[in-house]
């Protein structure tokens, strides 16, 4: 008994420390992945809202019910978007779109629509 050098306790502490380092690394990696997936999901939701908003504004522009300088807000399951149309000239209309997810992520874009050619001429993202 007197010749024991205390080999078991330091070895156990090193193994426990190694296990804690592995668990810490795995948990930080999983937390980072979770944040990345959340941000990616929010970007896809914003892209989807923008597509819906552009389709809605194009539908309104092609019909005869264009409300100039009146903001219109539409709410969906994942967020909402607001668009406002303003007449630049007799043949050009500028549309400003603001999208916001339920998690308060925001995205804004505007475009000019040529009424004679029925196409988007200028696109700008903010």
Protein backbone atom coordinates (compact mmCIF):
# COMPACT_ATOMS: atom_id res chain seq x y z
CA UNK A 1 0.00 0.00 0.00
CA UNK A 2 2.83 2.41 0.73
CA UNK A 3 4.25 2.10 -2.79
CA UNK A 4 1.15 3.42 -4.56
CA UNK A 5 1.92 6.50 -6.64
CA UNK A 6 -1.67 7.77 -7.11
CA UNK A 7 -2.16 6.57 -10.69
CA UNK A 8 -5.95 6.03 -10.73
CA UNK A 9 -7.20 9.49 -9.73
CA UNK A 10 -5.18 11.53 -12.30
CA UNK A 11 -6.07 9.06 -15.05
CA UNK A 12 -9.77 9.31 -14.16
CA UNK A 13 -9.57 13.10 -14.16
CA UNK A 14 -7.93 13.15 -17.61
CA UNK A 15 -10.57 10.82 -19.03
CA UNK A 16 -13.38 12.91 -17.50
CA UNK A 17 -11.82 16.11 -18.87
CA UNK A 18 -11.52 14.55 -22.32
CA UNK A 19 -15.18 13.47 -22.22
CA UNK A 20 -16.23 16.98 -21.16
CA UNK A 21 -14.29 18.49 -24.06
CA UNK A 22 -16.01 16.15 -26.52
CA UNK A 23 -19.46 16.92 -25.10
CA UNK A 24 -18.74 20.68 -25.19
CA UNK A 25 -17.58 20.49 -28.80
CA UNK A 26 -20.65 18.50 -29.87
CA UNK A 27 -23.06 20.84 -28.08
CA UNK A 28 -21.54 24.01 -29.58
CA UNK A 29 -21.60 22.37 -33.00
CA UNK A 30 -25.28 21.45 -32.64
CA UNK A 31 -26.21 24.93 -31.38
CA UNK A 32 -24.39 26.50 -34.33
CA UNK A 33 -26.17 24.20 -36.78
CA UNK A 34 -29.53 25.00 -35.21
CA UNK A 35 -28.93 28.75 -35.60
CA UNK A 36 -27.85 28.25 -39.22
CA UNK A 37 -30.96 26.22 -40.03
CA UNK A 38 -33.19 28.84 -38.40
CA UNK A 39 -31.62 31.69 -40.40
CA UNK A 40 -31.85 29.65 -43.61
CA UNK A 41 -35.52 28.97 -42.94
CA UNK A 42 -36.15 32.69 -42.39
CA UNK A 43 -34.42 33.52 -45.68
CA UNK A 44 -36.59 31.03 -47.55
CA UNK A 45 -39.71 32.43 -45.89
CA UNK A 46 -38.70 35.96 -46.94
CA UNK A 47 -38.03 34.78 -50.48
CA UNK A 48 -41.42 33.08 -50.58
CA UNK A 49 -43.16 36.21 -49.24
CA UNK A 50 -41.40 38.33 -51.87
CA UNK A 51 -42.52 35.98 -54.64
CA UNK A 52 -46.11 36.09 -53.42
CA UNK A 53 -45.96 39.89 -53.15
CA UNK A 54 -44.55 40.33 -56.66
CA UNK A 55 -47.19 38.00 -58.11
CA UNK A 56 -49.92 39.92 -56.28
CA UNK A 57 -48.65 43.30 -57.48
CA UNK A 58 -48.30 42.08 -61.06
CA UNK A 59 -51.85 40.75 -60.89
CA UNK A 60 -53.05 44.13 -59.62
CA UNK A 61 -51.08 46.01 -62.27
CA UNK A 62 -52.43 43.90 -65.11
CA UNK A 63 -55.97 44.37 -63.90
CA UNK A 64 -57.69 47.73 -63.94
CA UNK A 65 -57.85 48.10 -60.16
CA UNK A 66 -54.54 49.85 -59.52
CA UNK A 67 -54.59 51.81 -56.26
CA UNK A 68 -51.89 54.47 -56.61
CA UNK A 69 -50.16 55.76 -53.45
CA UNK A 70 -52.27 53.54 -51.18
CA UNK A 71 -50.26 50.99 -49.17
CA UNK A 72 -51.82 47.53 -49.14
CA UNK A 73 -50.92 45.02 -46.42
CA UNK A 74 -51.52 41.30 -46.81
CA UNK A 75 -50.91 38.82 -43.99
CA UNK A 76 -49.98 35.18 -44.64
CA UNK A 77 -49.26 32.25 -42.34
CA UNK A 78 -45.52 32.99 -42.16
CA UNK A 79 -45.53 36.78 -42.17
CA UNK A 80 -46.88 39.78 -44.01
CA UNK A 81 -46.02 42.08 -46.86
CA UNK A 82 -46.92 45.64 -47.73
CA UNK A 83 -46.78 47.11 -51.19
CA UNK A 84 -47.31 50.58 -52.51
CA UNK A 85 -47.68 51.59 -56.14
CA UNK A 86 -46.82 55.04 -57.38
CA UNK A 87 -47.08 56.36 -60.90
CA UNK A 88 -43.77 57.59 -62.33
CA UNK A 89 -45.13 58.45 -65.77
CA UNK A 90 -48.07 57.45 -67.92
CA UNK A 91 -46.34 54.23 -68.89
CA UNK A 92 -44.20 53.50 -65.79
CA UNK A 93 -45.38 52.51 -62.33
CA UNK A 94 -43.04 52.04 -59.39
CA UNK A 95 -43.88 49.38 -56.82
CA UNK A 96 -42.26 49.21 -53.38
CA UNK A 97 -42.60 45.94 -51.44
CA UNK A 98 -41.75 45.40 -47.76
CA UNK A 99 -41.84 41.85 -46.38
CA UNK A 100 -41.63 40.84 -42.71
CA UNK A 101 -41.67 37.36 -41.20
CA UNK A 102 -43.31 36.44 -37.92
CA UNK A 103 -39.79 36.44 -36.42
CA UNK A 104 -39.35 40.14 -37.42
CA UNK A 105 -36.90 39.51 -40.28
CA UNK A 106 -37.37 42.22 -42.92
CA UNK A 107 -36.71 42.48 -46.63
CA UNK A 108 -37.49 45.30 -49.03
CA UNK A 109 -37.45 45.58 -52.81
CA UNK A 110 -38.84 47.88 -55.46
CA UNK A 111 -39.32 47.67 -59.19
CA UNK A 112 -40.62 49.70 -62.08
CA UNK A 113 -43.27 48.19 -64.31
CA UNK A 114 -43.73 49.27 -67.91
CA UNK A 115 -47.47 49.28 -68.64
CA UNK A 116 -47.04 49.39 -72.43
CA UNK A 117 -44.72 46.39 -72.64
CA UNK A 118 -46.16 44.58 -69.59
CA UNK A 119 -42.77 43.80 -68.07
CA UNK A 120 -40.57 44.71 -65.12
CA UNK A 121 -37.86 47.10 -66.29
CA UNK A 122 -35.88 47.98 -63.13
CA UNK A 123 -35.45 45.82 -60.03
CA UNK A 124 -33.82 47.10 -56.82
CA UNK A 125 -33.32 45.26 -53.51
CA UNK A 126 -32.62 47.09 -50.27
